[in-house]
């Protein structure tokens, strides 16, 4: 079996764009992958085009050999973009391998250790920054069956947070805790916005509200500050979504204080490297909770891992709060068990889903669709529509 072509598919999903790939073979089998990276969709698409000559004519079932070829053949490492492009192709090859053997990817990785996985809602608070608005939005989270939700209540605060802004952040979270009780897991995303001192200051303020975790507590520049915060933080720390090498997780583990690793399969180069992080975390006595703010293909990737990774904790889930038409984009989506907040796992061959290309074509790429958490009102997740020139006002949103 040989790869004959790679097709890239860009889709505007409202507040961000997604990038999918379709890798075809001379056998008639094809695989689906995703390479979404906020605001770098066209850049990653170009990287795939730069690498495709290394893929055409190769056997997609030799997934690890092909992934290594895509990395090693470029003498100077292309970093995050490079690995995201490789991930899109690598996942598509895993999809082909699973289809060729008529089994899900997780069956190739050792089989299931669980039948479902706890999910937490994200992307649900498309509203103004007030306690009342957040509680109203969270009612839909509960109605959909989630028992866990994540939010960033800090507005546009950066480096340091004023006392009044911190008080408002506290009031938002306190309102959620009061309304939904102790059974609702509340996760806080700091988005790497604070200095170590103010990350701890904010964590100590919110800790009495029984916060499940404190995510990306400080700078993304180095791994050490996350451990420095975690060693003193009254809330367990989770981090790693922006790391694009397994070695960064080794450095994180060496610090000792962080026990929730958040690999992003698309950033790391795909499934194999994410498994490597899971094994590293297990040796460290830690768990993984993969980051996933992309599209439904990336969701399926994470759920394939959730099925077979023993030290898998919880899965981020945006899909339930995306635009309604997105359910028509793919042939399978996870369901939510309202009794426990668990997401179902795919059971079909390969990734367990396919794309409807006709639906994708109805929602073309929009250069103004990306998230900027330093812009007022970002919580509404409207992309960057205020920057759109008048002549572009009819671009699909």
Protein backbone atom coordinates (compact mmCIF):
# COMPACT_ATOMS: atom_id res chain seq x y z
CA UNK A 1 0.00 0.00 0.00
CA UNK A 2 1.34 3.42 -0.99
CA UNK A 3 0.25 6.99 -0.28
CA UNK A 4 -0.87 8.74 -3.46
CA UNK A 5 -2.02 12.17 -2.27
CA UNK A 6 -2.71 14.48 0.67
CA UNK A 7 -5.71 16.78 0.62
CA UNK A 8 -6.03 19.66 3.09
CA UNK A 9 -9.44 20.90 4.19
CA UNK A 10 -9.86 24.20 6.05
CA UNK A 11 -13.10 24.85 7.93
CA UNK A 12 -14.34 27.98 9.68
CA UNK A 13 -16.00 26.92 12.93
CA UNK A 14 -17.07 30.37 14.12
CA UNK A 15 -14.50 31.59 16.62
CA UNK A 16 -11.61 29.66 15.07
CA UNK A 17 -10.63 27.72 11.98
CA UNK A 18 -9.82 24.02 11.79
CA UNK A 19 -7.42 22.20 9.46
CA UNK A 20 -8.07 18.61 8.42
CA UNK A 21 -6.16 16.31 6.09
CA UNK A 22 -7.21 13.35 4.00
CA UNK A 23 -4.37 10.97 3.09
CA UNK A 24 -5.29 8.69 0.15
CA UNK A 25 -3.67 5.44 -0.96
CA UNK A 26 -3.52 3.27 -4.06
CA UNK A 27 -5.64 0.64 -2.26
CA UNK A 28 -8.66 2.91 -2.02
CA UNK A 29 -8.28 3.33 1.73
CA UNK A 30 -7.82 6.84 3.08
CA UNK A 31 -7.19 8.33 6.50
CA UNK A 32 -8.33 11.50 8.24
CA UNK A 33 -6.15 13.70 10.45
CA UNK A 34 -6.23 17.18 12.00
CA UNK A 35 -3.62 19.90 12.33
CA UNK A 36 -5.48 22.78 13.97
CA UNK A 37 -3.33 25.47 15.60
CA UNK A 38 -5.04 28.71 16.63
CA UNK A 39 -4.36 31.51 14.08
CA UNK A 40 -1.84 29.36 12.15
CA UNK A 41 -4.13 27.33 9.89
CA UNK A 42 -2.72 28.55 6.58
CA UNK A 43 0.84 28.30 7.94
CA UNK A 44 0.34 24.68 9.00
CA UNK A 45 -1.34 23.92 5.68
CA UNK A 46 1.73 25.28 3.90
CA UNK A 47 3.97 23.11 6.11
CA UNK A 48 2.02 20.02 5.04
CA UNK A 49 2.57 20.99 1.41
CA UNK A 50 6.31 21.41 2.13
CA UNK A 51 6.47 17.90 3.62
CA UNK A 52 4.19 15.97 1.29
CA UNK A 53 6.99 14.89 -1.08
CA UNK A 54 8.39 12.87 1.85
CA UNK A 55 5.05 11.05 2.14
CA UNK A 56 3.95 10.29 -1.42
CA UNK A 57 4.89 6.71 -2.35
CA UNK A 58 5.40 5.63 1.27
CA UNK A 59 3.50 2.86 3.09
CA UNK A 60 1.12 4.58 5.56
CA UNK A 61 1.01 1.46 7.75
CA UNK A 62 4.63 2.06 8.79
CA UNK A 63 3.38 4.92 10.94
CA UNK A 64 6.38 5.44 13.23
CA UNK A 65 8.91 5.13 10.42
CA UNK A 66 7.00 7.66 8.34
CA UNK A 67 6.66 10.07 11.26
CA UNK A 68 10.41 9.84 11.91
CA UNK A 69 11.10 10.48 8.22
CA UNK A 70 8.94 13.62 8.34
CA UNK A 71 10.89 14.94 11.34
CA UNK A 72 14.43 13.83 10.52
CA UNK A 73 14.47 14.78 6.85
CA UNK A 74 14.28 18.47 7.78
CA UNK A 75 17.69 19.35 9.19
CA UNK A 76 16.52 22.37 11.17
CA UNK A 77 13.55 21.55 13.38
CA UNK A 78 10.47 23.54 12.36
CA UNK A 79 9.11 23.58 15.91
CA UNK A 80 5.43 23.78 16.76
CA UNK A 81 4.25 24.23 13.16
CA UNK A 82 6.41 21.31 11.99
CA UNK A 83 5.05 18.93 14.61
CA UNK A 84 1.46 19.99 14.04
CA UNK A 85 1.85 19.25 10.32
CA UNK A 86 3.43 15.87 11.13
CA UNK A 87 0.62 15.11 13.60
CA UNK A 88 -2.04 15.64 10.96
CA UNK A 89 -0.35 13.15 8.64
CA UNK A 90 0.59 10.71 11.41
CA UNK A 91 -2.98 10.48 12.72
CA UNK A 92 -4.29 9.91 9.19
CA UNK A 93 -1.81 7.03 8.84
CA UNK A 94 -2.99 5.50 12.13
CA UNK A 95 -6.51 5.81 10.74
CA UNK A 96 -5.48 3.93 7.60
CA UNK A 97 -3.71 1.24 9.63
CA UNK A 98 -6.78 0.69 11.79
CA UNK A 99 -9.05 0.55 8.75
CA UNK A 100 -6.75 -1.91 7.00
CA UNK A 101 -7.10 -4.29 9.97
CA UNK A 102 -10.75 -3.34 10.68
CA UNK A 103 -10.05 -2.34 14.30
CA UNK A 104 -10.05 0.93 16.25
CA UNK A 105 -6.68 2.57 16.82
CA UNK A 106 -6.85 1.79 20.53
CA UNK A 107 -6.93 -1.91 19.71
CA UNK A 108 -3.53 -1.49 18.03
CA UNK A 109 -2.22 0.19 21.20
CA UNK A 110 -3.10 -2.57 23.66
CA UNK A 111 -6.88 -2.48 23.85
CA UNK A 112 -9.28 -0.77 26.20
CA UNK A 113 -8.74 -0.12 29.89
CA UNK A 114 -12.11 1.67 30.21
CA UNK A 115 -15.39 1.98 28.33
CA UNK A 116 -15.90 5.73 28.75
CA UNK A 117 -14.03 8.72 30.13
CA UNK A 118 -14.98 11.70 32.31
CA UNK A 119 -15.24 14.84 30.19
CA UNK A 120 -15.14 18.49 31.13
CA UNK A 121 -16.90 21.25 29.21
CA UNK A 122 -15.04 24.16 27.64
CA UNK A 123 -16.15 26.84 25.19
CA UNK A 124 -19.48 27.05 27.00
CA UNK A 125 -19.27 30.59 28.39
CA UNK A 126 -19.83 32.69 25.29
CA UNK A 127 -21.14 35.54 27.34
CA UNK A 128 -20.27 38.71 29.22
CA UNK A 129 -17.96 38.55 32.22
CA UNK A 130 -20.35 38.61 35.16
CA UNK A 131 -21.40 36.04 37.78
CA UNK A 132 -24.99 36.05 36.55
CA UNK A 133 -24.05 35.50 32.91
CA UNK A 134 -21.63 32.68 33.71
CA UNK A 135 -24.20 30.89 35.86
CA UNK A 136 -26.82 31.20 33.12
CA UNK A 137 -24.38 29.78 30.56
CA UNK A 138 -23.42 26.94 32.90
CA UNK A 139 -27.05 25.82 33.09
CA UNK A 140 -26.62 24.52 29.54
CA UNK A 141 -23.48 22.64 30.61
CA UNK A 142 -25.45 20.80 33.26
CA UNK A 143 -28.40 20.26 30.92
CA UNK A 144 -26.09 18.51 28.46
CA UNK A 145 -24.96 16.09 31.18
CA UNK A 146 -21.52 17.41 32.16
CA UNK A 147 -20.27 17.03 35.72
CA UNK A 148 -17.16 19.18 35.16
CA UNK A 149 -16.47 22.53 33.51
CA UNK A 150 -13.49 24.78 32.87
CA UNK A 151 -13.30 28.55 32.68
CA UNK A 152 -10.90 31.48 32.68
CA UNK A 153 -12.57 34.16 34.81
CA UNK A 154 -9.69 36.66 34.68
CA UNK A 155 -10.75 38.91 31.81
CA UNK A 156 -7.69 40.45 30.13
CA UNK A 157 -5.47 40.61 33.22
CA UNK A 158 -1.83 40.05 32.35
CA UNK A 159 1.27 39.60 34.52
CA UNK A 160 -0.50 41.09 37.55
CA UNK A 161 -4.18 41.31 38.41
CA UNK A 162 -5.79 44.27 40.17
CA UNK A 163 -7.64 43.56 43.39
CA UNK A 164 -11.01 44.55 41.91
CA UNK A 165 -10.48 42.27 38.93
CA UNK A 166 -9.47 39.40 41.19
CA UNK A 167 -12.57 39.99 43.30
CA UNK A 168 -14.79 39.80 40.20
CA UNK A 169 -13.05 36.57 39.17
CA UNK A 170 -13.71 35.16 42.62
CA UNK A 171 -17.38 36.21 42.47
CA UNK A 172 -17.84 34.43 39.11
CA UNK A 173 -16.43 31.16 40.42
CA UNK A 174 -18.22 31.52 43.76
CA UNK A 175 -21.53 31.96 41.94
CA UNK A 176 -20.91 28.74 39.99
CA UNK A 177 -20.01 26.86 43.16
CA UNK A 178 -23.06 28.18 44.98
CA UNK A 179 -25.43 27.30 42.15
CA UNK A 180 -24.11 23.83 41.26
CA UNK A 181 -22.74 22.60 44.57
CA UNK A 182 -19.69 20.55 45.47
CA UNK A 183 -20.41 17.76 42.99
CA UNK A 184 -19.55 20.00 40.04
CA UNK A 185 -15.82 19.91 39.24
CA UNK A 186 -14.61 23.43 38.47
CA UNK A 187 -11.33 23.74 36.59
CA UNK A 188 -9.55 27.08 36.19
CA UNK A 189 -7.48 27.98 33.12
CA UNK A 190 -4.97 30.74 33.84
CA UNK A 191 -3.83 30.80 30.18
CA UNK A 192 -0.21 31.40 31.29
CA UNK A 193 -1.12 35.02 31.95
CA UNK A 194 0.35 35.70 35.42
CA UNK A 195 3.72 36.09 37.09
CA UNK A 196 4.53 33.38 39.62
CA UNK A 197 3.66 35.72 42.48
CA UNK A 198 0.26 36.70 41.14
CA UNK A 199 -0.59 33.19 40.02
CA UNK A 200 -0.15 32.09 43.63
CA UNK A 201 -2.01 35.15 44.87
CA UNK A 202 -4.99 34.34 42.66
CA UNK A 203 -4.86 30.62 43.48
CA UNK A 204 -4.93 31.32 47.20
CA UNK A 205 -7.94 33.59 46.70
CA UNK A 206 -9.92 30.96 44.78
CA UNK A 207 -8.73 27.83 46.61
CA UNK A 208 -11.55 27.86 49.24
CA UNK A 209 -14.00 27.32 46.36
CA UNK A 210 -12.68 23.75 45.91
CA UNK A 211 -11.01 24.14 42.50
CA UNK A 212 -10.22 20.88 40.68
CA UNK A 213 -7.06 22.20 39.02
CA UNK A 214 -5.05 25.34 38.23
CA UNK A 215 -4.05 25.19 34.56
CA UNK A 216 -1.05 26.86 32.91
CA UNK A 217 -0.28 28.87 36.04
CA UNK A 218 2.47 31.06 34.63
CA UNK A 219 4.83 31.66 31.67
CA UNK A 220 5.10 29.18 28.80
CA UNK A 221 8.72 30.13 28.20
CA UNK A 222 10.13 27.50 30.57
CA UNK A 223 8.91 24.44 32.45
CA UNK A 224 10.53 25.40 35.78
CA UNK A 225 8.11 28.20 36.78
CA UNK A 226 5.13 25.82 36.60
CA UNK A 227 6.84 23.57 39.13
CA UNK A 228 7.77 26.56 41.26
CA UNK A 229 4.10 27.57 41.46
CA UNK A 230 2.92 23.97 41.93
CA UNK A 231 5.23 23.46 44.91
CA UNK A 232 3.44 26.27 46.77
CA UNK A 233 -0.03 26.23 45.20
CA UNK A 234 -3.07 25.22 47.29
CA UNK A 235 -4.65 23.85 44.08
CA UNK A 236 -3.22 20.95 42.02
CA UNK A 237 -1.48 22.27 38.89
CA UNK A 238 -1.98 21.04 35.32
CA UNK A 239 0.12 22.16 32.36
CA UNK A 240 1.76 21.19 29.07
CA UNK A 241 -0.63 22.08 26.26
CA UNK A 242 1.92 24.31 24.54
CA UNK A 243 4.83 21.88 24.75
CA UNK A 244 5.82 20.51 21.35
CA UNK A 245 8.48 17.98 22.45
CA UNK A 246 8.43 14.97 24.74
CA UNK A 247 11.62 16.33 26.31
CA UNK A 248 9.75 19.33 27.72
CA UNK A 249 7.58 16.92 29.70
CA UNK A 250 10.75 15.21 30.95
CA UNK A 251 11.94 18.59 32.24
CA UNK A 252 8.52 19.17 33.80
CA UNK A 253 8.62 15.77 35.48
CA UNK A 254 12.12 16.44 36.78
CA UNK A 255 10.76 19.39 38.76
CA UNK A 256 8.55 16.98 40.66
CA UNK A 257 5.64 19.21 41.72
CA UNK A 258 3.25 18.91 38.73
CA UNK A 259 1.24 15.70 38.53
CA UNK A 260 -1.24 16.46 35.74
CA UNK A 261 0.40 16.57 32.30
CA UNK A 262 -1.60 18.08 29.41
CA UNK A 263 -0.11 16.90 26.15
CA UNK A 264 -1.76 18.22 23.00
CA UNK A 265 -1.48 15.40 20.41
CA UNK A 266 -1.51 17.86 17.51
CA UNK A 267 1.34 19.92 19.00
CA UNK A 268 3.48 16.88 19.84
CA UNK A 269 3.48 15.25 16.42
CA UNK A 270 0.63 12.83 16.97
CA UNK A 271 -0.40 9.71 18.81
CA UNK A 272 2.97 7.99 19.30
CA UNK A 273 4.58 10.97 21.05
CA UNK A 274 1.51 11.48 23.22
CA UNK A 275 1.81 7.86 24.33
CA UNK A 276 5.44 8.57 25.20
CA UNK A 277 4.29 11.40 27.47
CA UNK A 278 1.72 9.09 29.07
CA UNK A 279 4.46 6.55 29.83
CA UNK A 280 6.71 9.28 31.21
CA UNK A 281 3.87 10.52 33.40
CA UNK A 282 3.19 7.00 34.66
CA UNK A 283 6.84 6.57 35.65
CA UNK A 284 6.57 9.91 37.46
CA UNK A 285 3.44 8.84 39.33
CA UNK A 286 1.34 11.31 37.34
CA UNK A 287 -1.63 11.34 34.97
CA UNK A 288 -2.39 12.85 31.58
CA UNK A 289 -5.38 15.01 30.65
CA UNK A 290 -4.82 15.90 26.98
CA UNK A 291 -5.57 19.41 25.84
CA UNK A 292 -8.03 19.58 22.95
CA UNK A 293 -9.47 22.83 21.63
CA UNK A 294 -9.53 21.81 17.97
CA UNK A 295 -12.16 20.07 15.91
CA UNK A 296 -13.98 16.73 16.04
CA UNK A 297 -11.14 14.73 14.52
CA UNK A 298 -8.81 15.86 17.30
CA UNK A 299 -11.56 14.86 19.75
CA UNK A 300 -11.56 11.35 18.30
CA UNK A 301 -7.76 11.18 18.66
CA UNK A 302 -7.97 12.01 22.36
CA UNK A 303 -10.76 9.50 22.93
CA UNK A 304 -8.73 6.77 21.21
CA UNK A 305 -6.01 7.50 23.76
CA UNK A 306 -8.52 7.68 26.61
CA UNK A 307 -9.61 4.15 25.76
CA UNK A 308 -6.17 2.57 26.17
CA UNK A 309 -4.01 4.79 28.42
CA UNK A 310 -4.19 3.58 32.06
CA UNK A 311 -3.20 6.91 33.63
CA UNK A 312 -5.71 9.02 31.68
CA UNK A 313 -7.60 11.40 34.01
CA UNK A 314 -10.21 13.49 32.18
CA UNK A 315 -10.86 14.86 28.69
CA UNK A 316 -11.44 18.44 27.58
CA UNK A 317 -14.52 18.76 25.36
CA UNK A 318 -15.57 21.73 23.21
CA UNK A 319 -17.70 19.81 20.72
CA UNK A 320 -20.98 20.08 22.61
CA UNK A 321 -20.78 23.89 22.47
CA UNK A 322 -19.67 24.36 18.86
CA UNK A 323 -21.93 25.64 16.10
CA UNK A 324 -24.92 23.30 15.59
CA UNK A 325 -24.03 22.47 11.97
CA UNK A 326 -20.74 20.90 13.09
CA UNK A 327 -22.61 17.72 14.05
CA UNK A 328 -23.18 17.31 10.31
CA UNK A 329 -19.46 17.62 9.56
CA UNK A 330 -18.53 14.17 10.89
CA UNK A 331 -20.09 10.71 10.88
CA UNK A 332 -19.62 10.12 14.62
CA UNK A 333 -19.61 12.24 17.76
CA UNK A 334 -19.33 11.15 21.40
CA UNK A 335 -22.41 11.06 23.57
CA UNK A 336 -22.52 12.22 27.20
CA UNK A 337 -23.82 10.00 29.98
CA UNK A 338 -25.69 12.42 32.23
CA UNK A 339 -25.46 10.03 35.17
CA UNK A 340 -21.69 10.45 35.47
CA UNK A 341 -20.58 13.06 32.91
CA UNK A 342 -18.67 10.49 30.85
CA UNK A 343 -17.99 10.71 27.11
CA UNK A 344 -18.48 7.62 24.97
CA UNK A 345 -15.53 6.17 23.04
CA UNK A 346 -15.42 5.52 19.28
CA UNK A 347 -15.83 1.90 18.19
CA UNK A 348 -15.40 2.02 14.42
CA UNK A 349 -12.25 1.05 12.53
CA UNK A 350 -9.35 3.49 12.65
CA UNK A 351 -10.33 6.79 14.25
CA UNK A 352 -13.98 5.77 14.12
CA UNK A 353 -15.27 8.74 12.14
CA UNK A 354 -15.14 10.38 8.73
CA UNK A 355 -15.63 13.89 7.36
CA UNK A 356 -18.50 15.06 5.17
CA UNK A 357 -16.51 17.14 2.70
CA UNK A 358 -19.62 18.78 1.26
CA UNK A 359 -20.39 20.25 4.69
CA UNK A 360 -16.79 21.40 5.13
CA UNK A 361 -16.91 23.29 1.83
CA UNK A 362 -19.92 25.28 3.03
CA UNK A 363 -17.80 26.88 5.78
CA UNK A 364 -14.60 28.26 4.21
CA UNK A 365 -11.58 29.58 6.06
CA UNK A 366 -11.97 33.02 7.71
CA UNK A 367 -8.76 34.92 8.55
CA UNK A 368 -10.54 36.73 11.39
CA UNK A 369 -11.49 33.56 13.27
CA UNK A 370 -9.02 33.02 16.10
CA UNK A 371 -8.92 33.45 19.86
CA UNK A 372 -7.10 36.31 21.57
CA UNK A 373 -7.51 36.16 25.37
CA UNK A 374 -5.92 39.60 25.72
CA UNK A 375 -8.76 41.33 23.85
CA UNK A 376 -11.75 42.72 25.76
CA UNK A 377 -14.77 40.47 25.44
CA UNK A 378 -12.84 37.40 24.33
CA UNK A 379 -15.13 35.30 26.54
CA UNK A 380 -17.86 35.66 23.91
CA UNK A 381 -15.67 33.74 21.44
CA UNK A 382 -16.53 35.84 18.43
CA UNK A 383 -13.08 35.63 16.85
CA UNK A 384 -11.60 38.94 15.75
CA UNK A 385 -14.63 40.28 13.91
CA UNK A 386 -14.06 43.85 15.10
CA UNK A 387 -10.90 43.96 12.97
CA UNK A 388 -12.72 42.92 9.80
CA UNK A 389 -12.56 45.56 7.03
CA UNK A 390 -15.96 46.67 5.74
CA UNK A 391 -15.41 44.97 2.37
CA UNK A 392 -14.94 41.64 4.16
CA UNK A 393 -18.11 41.93 6.20
CA UNK A 394 -19.83 39.15 4.30
CA UNK A 395 -17.15 36.54 5.06
CA UNK A 396 -18.82 33.48 6.55
CA UNK A 397 -18.89 33.30 10.33
